[in-house]
PDB file of N, CA and C in Angstrom:
ATOM      1  N   MET A   1      44.772 -45.272 -14.761  1.00  0.00           N
ATOM      2  CA  MET A   1      46.042 -45.890 -15.125  1.00  0.00           C
ATOM      3  C   MET A   1      46.394 -46.979 -14.113  1.00  0.00           C
ATOM      4  N   LYS A   2      46.761 -48.134 -14.623  1.00  0.00           N
ATOM      5  CA  LYS A   2      47.131 -49.228 -13.734  1.00  0.00           C
ATOM      6  C   LYS A   2      48.575 -49.091 -13.295  1.00  0.00           C
ATOM      7  N   ARG A   3      48.812 -49.419 -12.049  1.00  0.00           N
ATOM      8  CA  ARG A   3      50.176 -49.394 -11.496  1.00  0.00           C
ATOM      9  C   ARG A   3      50.505 -50.771 -10.952  1.00  0.00           C
ATOM     10  N   ARG A   4      51.778 -51.050 -10.901  1.00  0.00           N
ATOM     11  CA  ARG A   4      52.228 -52.328 -10.357  1.00  0.00           C
ATOM     12  C   ARG A   4      52.205 -52.230  -8.833  1.00  0.00           C
ATOM     13  N   LYS A   5      51.372 -53.053  -8.200  1.00  0.00           N
ATOM     14  CA  LYS A   5      51.227 -53.049  -6.745  1.00  0.00           C
ATOM     15  C   LYS A   5      51.234 -54.484  -6.236  1.00  0.00           C
ATOM     16  N   LEU A   6      51.214 -54.611  -4.923  1.00  0.00           N
ATOM     17  CA  LEU A   6      51.221 -55.922  -4.295  1.00  0.00           C
ATOM     18  C   LEU A   6      49.946 -56.687  -4.639  1.00  0.00           C
ATOM     19  N   ASN A   7      50.107 -57.979  -4.924  1.00  0.00           N
ATOM     20  CA  ASN A   7      48.962 -58.845  -5.188  1.00  0.00           C
ATOM     21  C   ASN A   7      48.317 -59.180  -3.843  1.00  0.00           C
ATOM     22  N   MET A   8      47.153 -58.611  -3.571  1.00  0.00           N
ATOM     23  CA  MET A   8      46.532 -58.771  -2.259  1.00  0.00           C
ATOM     24  C   MET A   8      46.008 -60.187  -2.010  1.00  0.00           C
ATOM     25  N   ARG A   9      45.911 -61.006  -3.047  1.00  0.00           N
ATOM     26  CA  ARG A   9      45.493 -62.392  -2.859  1.00  0.00           C
ATOM     27  C   ARG A   9      46.587 -63.221  -2.189  1.00  0.00           C
ATOM     28  N   LYS A  10      47.820 -62.741  -2.293  1.00  0.00           N
ATOM     29  CA  LYS A  10      48.943 -63.473  -1.698  1.00  0.00           C
ATOM     30  C   LYS A  10      49.559 -62.671  -0.559  1.00  0.00           C
ATOM     31  N   ASP A  11      48.730 -61.878   0.081  1.00  0.00           N
ATOM     32  CA  ASP A  11      49.145 -60.966   1.136  1.00  0.00           C
ATOM     33  C   ASP A  11      49.902 -61.658   2.275  1.00  0.00           C
ATOM     34  N   TYR A  12      49.333 -62.732   2.831  1.00  0.00           N
ATOM     35  CA  TYR A  12      49.948 -63.400   3.986  1.00  0.00           C
ATOM     36  C   TYR A  12      51.265 -64.061   3.616  1.00  0.00           C
ATOM     37  N   GLU A  13      51.286 -64.665   2.449  1.00  0.00           N
ATOM     38  CA  GLU A  13      52.513 -65.313   1.957  1.00  0.00           C
ATOM     39  C   GLU A  13      53.624 -64.274   1.809  1.00  0.00           C
ATOM     40  N   PHE A  14      53.288 -63.127   1.229  1.00  0.00           N
ATOM     41  CA  PHE A  14      54.264 -62.050   1.037  1.00  0.00           C
ATOM     42  C   PHE A  14      54.810 -61.579   2.382  1.00  0.00           C
ATOM     43  N   ARG A  15      53.902 -61.339   3.340  1.00  0.00           N
ATOM     44  CA  ARG A  15      54.333 -60.842   4.653  1.00  0.00           C
ATOM     45  C   ARG A  15      55.229 -61.845   5.379  1.00  0.00           C
ATOM     46  N   TYR A  16      54.912 -63.131   5.250  1.00  0.00           N
ATOM     47  CA  TYR A  16      55.737 -64.157   5.886  1.00  0.00           C
ATOM     48  C   TYR A  16      57.147 -64.150   5.295  1.00  0.00           C
ATOM     49  N   LEU A  17      57.234 -64.151   3.964  1.00  0.00           N
ATOM     50  CA  LEU A  17      58.542 -64.169   3.302  1.00  0.00           C
ATOM     51  C   LEU A  17      59.323 -62.887   3.579  1.00  0.00           C
ATOM     52  N   LEU A  18      58.633 -61.774   3.651  1.00  0.00           N
ATOM     53  CA  LEU A  18      59.267 -60.499   3.992  1.00  0.00           C
ATOM     54  C   LEU A  18      59.924 -60.601   5.375  1.00  0.00           C
ATOM     55  N   GLY A  19      59.192 -61.170   6.321  1.00  0.00           N
ATOM     56  CA  GLY A  19      59.718 -61.363   7.671  1.00  0.00           C
ATOM     57  C   GLY A  19      60.930 -62.280   7.688  1.00  0.00           C
ATOM     58  N   GLN A  20      60.888 -63.340   6.858  1.00  0.00           N
ATOM     59  CA  GLN A  20      62.011 -64.279   6.792  1.00  0.00           C
ATOM     60  C   GLN A  20      63.276 -63.599   6.282  1.00  0.00           C
ATOM     61  N   ILE A  21      63.130 -62.754   5.274  1.00  0.00           N
ATOM     62  CA  ILE A  21      64.295 -62.059   4.701  1.00  0.00           C
ATOM     63  C   ILE A  21      64.888 -61.072   5.717  1.00  0.00           C
ATOM     64  N   LEU A  22      64.020 -60.424   6.495  1.00  0.00           N
ATOM     65  CA  LEU A  22      64.474 -59.378   7.418  1.00  0.00           C
ATOM     66  C   LEU A  22      64.781 -59.888   8.824  1.00  0.00           C
ATOM     67  N   LYS A  23      64.663 -61.201   9.064  1.00  0.00           N
ATOM     68  CA  LYS A  23      64.761 -61.724  10.432  1.00  0.00           C
ATOM     69  C   LYS A  23      66.107 -61.491  11.124  1.00  0.00           C
ATOM     70  N   ASP A  24      67.171 -61.251  10.378  1.00  0.00           N
ATOM     71  CA  ASP A  24      68.486 -61.038  10.990  1.00  0.00           C
ATOM     72  C   ASP A  24      68.738 -59.596  11.423  1.00  0.00           C
ATOM     73  N   LEU A  25      67.838 -58.693  11.052  1.00  0.00           N
ATOM     74  CA  LEU A  25      68.004 -57.277  11.429  1.00  0.00           C
ATOM     75  C   LEU A  25      67.573 -57.067  12.879  1.00  0.00           C
ATOM     76  N   PRO A  26      68.045 -55.984  13.530  1.00  0.00           N
ATOM     77  CA  PRO A  26      67.564 -55.661  14.881  1.00  0.00           C
ATOM     78  C   PRO A  26      66.047 -55.460  14.856  1.00  0.00           C
ATOM     79  N   GLU A  27      65.381 -55.797  15.954  1.00  0.00           N
ATOM     80  CA  GLU A  27      63.921 -55.797  15.976  1.00  0.00           C
ATOM     81  C   GLU A  27      63.266 -54.462  15.584  1.00  0.00           C
ATOM     82  N   GLY A  28      63.792 -53.353  16.083  1.00  0.00           N
ATOM     83  CA  GLY A  28      63.216 -52.047  15.757  1.00  0.00           C
ATOM     84  C   GLY A  28      63.308 -51.734  14.274  1.00  0.00           C
ATOM     85  N   VAL A  29      64.449 -52.019  13.698  1.00  0.00           N
ATOM     86  CA  VAL A  29      64.675 -51.776  12.269  1.00  0.00           C
ATOM     87  C   VAL A  29      63.787 -52.706  11.444  1.00  0.00           C
ATOM     88  N   GLN A  30      63.730 -53.950  11.877  1.00  0.00           N
ATOM     89  CA  GLN A  30      62.951 -54.971  11.177  1.00  0.00           C
ATOM     90  C   GLN A  30      61.481 -54.557  11.062  1.00  0.00           C
ATOM     91  N   GLY A  31      60.893 -54.110  12.176  1.00  0.00           N
ATOM     92  CA  GLY A  31      59.485 -53.708  12.184  1.00  0.00           C
ATOM     93  C   GLY A  31      59.208 -52.533  11.267  1.00  0.00           C
ATOM     94  N   SER A  32      60.074 -51.535  11.325  1.00  0.00           N
ATOM     95  CA  SER A  32      59.839 -50.353  10.497  1.00  0.00           C
ATOM     96  C   SER A  32      60.044 -50.670   9.017  1.00  0.00           C
ATOM     97  N   MET A  33      61.032 -51.497   8.706  1.00  0.00           N
ATOM     98  CA  MET A  33      61.268 -51.894   7.302  1.00  0.00           C
ATOM     99  C   MET A  33      60.062 -52.679   6.766  1.00  0.00           C
ATOM    100  N   LYS A  34      59.598 -53.651   7.548  1.00  0.00           N
ATOM    101  CA  LYS A  34      58.457 -54.472   7.121  1.00  0.00           C
ATOM    102  C   LYS A  34      57.237 -53.611   6.854  1.00  0.00           C
ATOM    103  N   GLY A  35      56.935 -52.740   7.818  1.00  0.00           N
ATOM    104  CA  GLY A  35      55.758 -51.888   7.693  1.00  0.00           C
ATOM    105  C   GLY A  35      55.820 -50.961   6.500  1.00  0.00           C
ATOM    106  N   THR A  36      56.963 -50.315   6.316  1.00  0.00           N
ATOM    107  CA  THR A  36      57.101 -49.356   5.220  1.00  0.00           C
ATOM    108  C   THR A  36      57.064 -50.051   3.864  1.00  0.00           C
ATOM    109  N   ILE A  37      57.791 -51.155   3.729  1.00  0.00           N
ATOM    110  CA  ILE A  37      57.795 -51.880   2.444  1.00  0.00           C
ATOM    111  C   ILE A  37      56.393 -52.356   2.116  1.00  0.00           C
ATOM    112  N   TYR A  38      55.710 -52.933   3.096  1.00  0.00           N
ATOM    113  CA  TYR A  38      54.358 -53.445   2.859  1.00  0.00           C
ATOM    114  C   TYR A  38      53.399 -52.321   2.482  1.00  0.00           C
ATOM    115  N   ALA A  39      53.450 -51.222   3.229  1.00  0.00           N
ATOM    116  CA  ALA A  39      52.535 -50.104   2.962  1.00  0.00           C
ATOM    117  C   ALA A  39      52.771 -49.501   1.581  1.00  0.00           C
ATOM    118  N   LYS A  40      54.031 -49.264   1.244  1.00  0.00           N
ATOM    119  CA  LYS A  40      54.337 -48.681  -0.067  1.00  0.00           C
ATOM    120  C   LYS A  40      53.937 -49.631  -1.195  1.00  0.00           C
ATOM    121  N   ALA A  41      54.258 -50.917  -1.048  1.00  0.00           N
ATOM    122  CA  ALA A  41      53.964 -51.896  -2.105  1.00  0.00           C
ATOM    123  C   ALA A  41      52.468 -52.085  -2.313  1.00  0.00           C
ATOM    124  N   SER A  42      51.690 -52.072  -1.236  1.00  0.00           N
ATOM    125  CA  SER A  42      50.255 -52.330  -1.391  1.00  0.00           C
ATOM    126  C   SER A  42      49.460 -51.075  -1.730  1.00  0.00           C
ATOM    127  N   ASN A  43      49.893 -49.903  -1.259  1.00  0.00           N
ATOM    128  CA  ASN A  43      49.102 -48.682  -1.476  1.00  0.00           C
ATOM    129  C   ASN A  43      49.606 -47.778  -2.592  1.00  0.00           C
ATOM    130  N   ILE A  44      50.907 -47.589  -2.688  1.00  0.00           N
ATOM    131  CA  ILE A  44      51.445 -46.635  -3.656  1.00  0.00           C
ATOM    132  C   ILE A  44      51.909 -47.356  -4.922  1.00  0.00           C
ATOM    133  N   GLY A  45      52.842 -48.271  -4.767  1.00  0.00           N
ATOM    134  CA  GLY A  45      53.331 -49.016  -5.929  1.00  0.00           C
ATOM    135  C   GLY A  45      54.657 -49.701  -5.640  1.00  0.00           C
ATOM    136  N   ILE A  46      54.978 -50.675  -6.461  1.00  0.00           N
ATOM    137  CA  ILE A  46      56.202 -51.464  -6.322  1.00  0.00           C
ATOM    138  C   ILE A  46      57.444 -50.592  -6.517  1.00  0.00           C
ATOM    139  N   LYS A  47      57.374 -49.655  -7.460  1.00  0.00           N
ATOM    140  CA  LYS A  47      58.536 -48.802  -7.747  1.00  0.00           C
ATOM    141  C   LYS A  47      58.937 -47.998  -6.501  1.00  0.00           C
ATOM    142  N   GLU A  48      57.965 -47.451  -5.791  1.00  0.00           N
ATOM    143  CA  GLU A  48      58.250 -46.670  -4.589  1.00  0.00           C
ATOM    144  C   GLU A  48      58.837 -47.548  -3.488  1.00  0.00           C
ATOM    145  N   ALA A  49      58.321 -48.763  -3.362  1.00  0.00           N
ATOM    146  CA  ALA A  49      58.864 -49.698  -2.362  1.00  0.00           C
ATOM    147  C   ALA A  49      60.303 -50.064  -2.724  1.00  0.00           C
ATOM    148  N   ARG A  50      60.557 -50.261  -4.022  1.00  0.00           N
ATOM    149  CA  ARG A  50      61.919 -50.586  -4.477  1.00  0.00           C
ATOM    150  C   ARG A  50      62.872 -49.424  -4.186  1.00  0.00           C
ATOM    151  N   ASP A  51      62.421 -48.204  -4.447  1.00  0.00           N
ATOM    152  CA  ASP A  51      63.247 -47.021  -4.173  1.00  0.00           C
ATOM    153  C   ASP A  51      63.581 -46.920  -2.685  1.00  0.00           C
ATOM    154  N   PHE A  52      62.602 -47.241  -1.830  1.00  0.00           N
ATOM    155  CA  PHE A  52      62.831 -47.222  -0.381  1.00  0.00           C
ATOM    156  C   PHE A  52      63.900 -48.248   0.003  1.00  0.00           C
ATOM    157  N   ILE A  53      63.822 -49.444  -0.562  1.00  0.00           N
ATOM    158  CA  ILE A  53      64.799 -50.503  -0.273  1.00  0.00           C
ATOM    159  C   ILE A  53      66.197 -50.058  -0.706  1.00  0.00           C
ATOM    160  N   LEU A  54      66.303 -49.478  -1.893  1.00  0.00           N
ATOM    161  CA  LEU A  54      67.604 -49.016  -2.387  1.00  0.00           C
ATOM    162  C   LEU A  54      68.166 -47.902  -1.500  1.00  0.00           C
ATOM    163  N   LYS A  55      67.285 -47.035  -0.996  1.00  0.00           N
ATOM    164  CA  LYS A  55      67.721 -45.957  -0.107  1.00  0.00           C
ATOM    165  C   LYS A  55      68.294 -46.545   1.193  1.00  0.00           C
ATOM    166  N   LYS A  56      67.620 -47.559   1.721  1.00  0.00           N
ATOM    167  CA  LYS A  56      68.081 -48.200   2.955  1.00  0.00           C
ATOM    168  C   LYS A  56      69.412 -48.923   2.738  1.00  0.00           C
ATOM    169  N   LYS A  57      69.603 -49.456   1.535  1.00  0.00           N
ATOM    170  CA  LYS A  57      70.876 -50.106   1.216  1.00  0.00           C
ATOM    171  C   LYS A  57      72.000 -49.062   1.209  1.00  0.00           C
ATOM    172  N   GLU A  58      71.734 -47.913   0.593  1.00  0.00           N
ATOM    173  CA  GLU A  58      72.730 -46.835   0.541  1.00  0.00           C
ATOM    174  C   GLU A  58      73.071 -46.313   1.932  1.00  0.00           C
ATOM    175  N   GLU A  59      72.064 -46.292   2.821  1.00  0.00           N
ATOM    176  CA  GLU A  59      72.285 -45.823   4.191  1.00  0.00           C
ATOM    177  C   GLU A  59      73.021 -46.860   5.040  1.00  0.00           C
ATOM    178  N   GLY A  60      73.146 -48.074   4.515  1.00  0.00           N
ATOM    179  CA  GLY A  60      73.849 -49.123   5.250  1.00  0.00           C
ATOM    180  C   GLY A  60      72.971 -49.900   6.223  1.00  0.00           C
ATOM    181  N   VAL A  61      71.657 -49.718   6.137  1.00  0.00           N
ATOM    182  CA  VAL A  61      70.746 -50.435   7.032  1.00  0.00           C
ATOM    183  C   VAL A  61      70.670 -51.912   6.631  1.00  0.00           C
ATOM    184  N   ILE A  62      70.633 -52.159   5.309  1.00  0.00           N
ATOM    185  CA  ILE A  62      70.625 -53.541   4.806  1.00  0.00           C
ATOM    186  C   ILE A  62      71.765 -53.710   3.803  1.00  0.00           C
ATOM    187  N   ASP A  63      72.181 -54.948   3.593  1.00  0.00           N
ATOM    188  CA  ASP A  63      73.271 -55.193   2.642  1.00  0.00           C
ATOM    189  C   ASP A  63      72.731 -55.452   1.230  1.00  0.00           C
ATOM    190  N   GLU A  64      73.650 -55.583   0.294  1.00  0.00           N
ATOM    191  CA  GLU A  64      73.327 -55.775  -1.127  1.00  0.00           C
ATOM    192  C   GLU A  64      72.444 -57.009  -1.359  1.00  0.00           C
ATOM    193  N   LEU A  65      72.810 -58.126  -0.736  1.00  0.00           N
ATOM    194  CA  LEU A  65      72.078 -59.381  -0.923  1.00  0.00           C
ATOM    195  C   LEU A  65      70.644 -59.264  -0.401  1.00  0.00           C
ATOM    196  N   THR A  66      70.483 -58.681   0.777  1.00  0.00           N
ATOM    197  CA  THR A  66      69.148 -58.504   1.358  1.00  0.00           C
ATOM    198  C   THR A  66      68.301 -57.602   0.458  1.00  0.00           C
ATOM    199  N   ALA A  67      68.893 -56.524  -0.047  1.00  0.00           N
ATOM    200  CA  ALA A  67      68.171 -55.609  -0.940  1.00  0.00           C
ATOM    201  C   ALA A  67      67.708 -56.350  -2.191  1.00  0.00           C
ATOM    202  N   LYS A  68      68.584 -57.176  -2.757  1.00  0.00           N
ATOM    203  CA  LYS A  68      68.227 -57.930  -3.968  1.00  0.00           C
ATOM    204  C   LYS A  68      67.083 -58.908  -3.681  1.00  0.00           C
ATOM    205  N   LYS A  69      67.165 -59.606  -2.557  1.00  0.00           N
ATOM    206  CA  LYS A  69      66.103 -60.555  -2.187  1.00  0.00           C
ATOM    207  C   LYS A  69      64.770 -59.840  -2.019  1.00  0.00           C
ATOM    208  N   LEU A  70      64.798 -58.669  -1.373  1.00  0.00           N
ATOM    209  CA  LEU A  70      63.564 -57.907  -1.146  1.00  0.00           C
ATOM    210  C   LEU A  70      62.958 -57.432  -2.464  1.00  0.00           C
ATOM    211  N   ILE A  71      63.796 -56.933  -3.356  1.00  0.00           N
ATOM    212  CA  ILE A  71      63.299 -56.440  -4.648  1.00  0.00           C
ATOM    213  C   ILE A  71      62.747 -57.593  -5.489  1.00  0.00           C
ATOM    214  N   ASP A  72      63.437 -58.739  -5.479  1.00  0.00           N
ATOM    215  CA  ASP A  72      62.928 -59.914  -6.197  1.00  0.00           C
ATOM    216  C   ASP A  72      61.571 -60.339  -5.644  1.00  0.00           C
ATOM    217  N   LEU A  73      61.433 -60.310  -4.313  1.00  0.00           N
ATOM    218  CA  LEU A  73      60.172 -60.674  -3.659  1.00  0.00           C
ATOM    219  C   LEU A  73      59.055 -59.721  -4.090  1.00  0.00           C
ATOM    220  N   LEU A  74      59.354 -58.423  -4.131  1.00  0.00           N
ATOM    221  CA  LEU A  74      58.353 -57.427  -4.547  1.00  0.00           C
ATOM    222  C   LEU A  74      57.810 -57.740  -5.935  1.00  0.00           C
ATOM    223  N   TYR A  75      58.718 -57.988  -6.874  1.00  0.00           N
ATOM    224  CA  TYR A  75      58.274 -58.220  -8.244  1.00  0.00           C
ATOM    225  C   TYR A  75      57.561 -59.565  -8.401  1.00  0.00           C
ATOM    226  N   LYS A  76      57.945 -60.544  -7.599  1.00  0.00           N
ATOM    227  CA  LYS A  76      57.291 -61.855  -7.664  1.00  0.00           C
ATOM    228  C   LYS A  76      55.838 -61.772  -7.204  1.00  0.00           C
ATOM    229  N   TYR A  77      55.573 -60.905  -6.226  1.00  0.00           N
ATOM    230  CA  TYR A  77      54.233 -60.804  -5.661  1.00  0.00           C
ATOM    231  C   TYR A  77      53.489 -59.556  -6.107  1.00  0.00           C
ATOM    232  N   SER A  78      53.795 -59.049  -7.285  1.00  0.00           N
ATOM    233  CA  SER A  78      53.103 -57.843  -7.751  1.00  0.00           C
ATOM    234  C   SER A  78      52.220 -58.123  -8.956  1.00  0.00           C
ATOM    235  N   VAL A  79      51.205 -57.299  -9.105  1.00  0.00           N
ATOM    236  CA  VAL A  79      50.293 -57.355 -10.251  1.00  0.00           C
ATOM    237  C   VAL A  79      49.951 -55.923 -10.648  1.00  0.00           C
ATOM    238  N   TYR A  80      49.442 -55.746 -11.850  1.00  0.00           N
ATOM    239  CA  TYR A  80      48.961 -54.428 -12.244  1.00  0.00           C
ATOM    240  C   TYR A  80      47.534 -54.282 -11.769  1.00  0.00           C
ATOM    241  N   ARG A  81      47.271 -53.193 -11.041  1.00  0.00           N
ATOM    242  CA  ARG A  81      45.894 -52.940 -10.599  1.00  0.00           C
ATOM    243  C   ARG A  81      45.650 -51.456 -10.457  1.00  0.00           C
TER     244      ARG A  81
END
């Protein structure tokens, strides 16, 4: 069964844009968010990465706008594989 995951051909572009969106967060939070979003999106699936982002929004780690930008980025750089 194919799942929606990160398009590995655009890996570097995705990571750069991810960093740009998260650049205003404290460094420790930024690193863990980047790593977790990237790992979930590339290995498990886009849905799991989206759920993680929504959880962080509910916890108050990121705001509504940042969450929306991250989710839009995930879907823009995803493919079925």
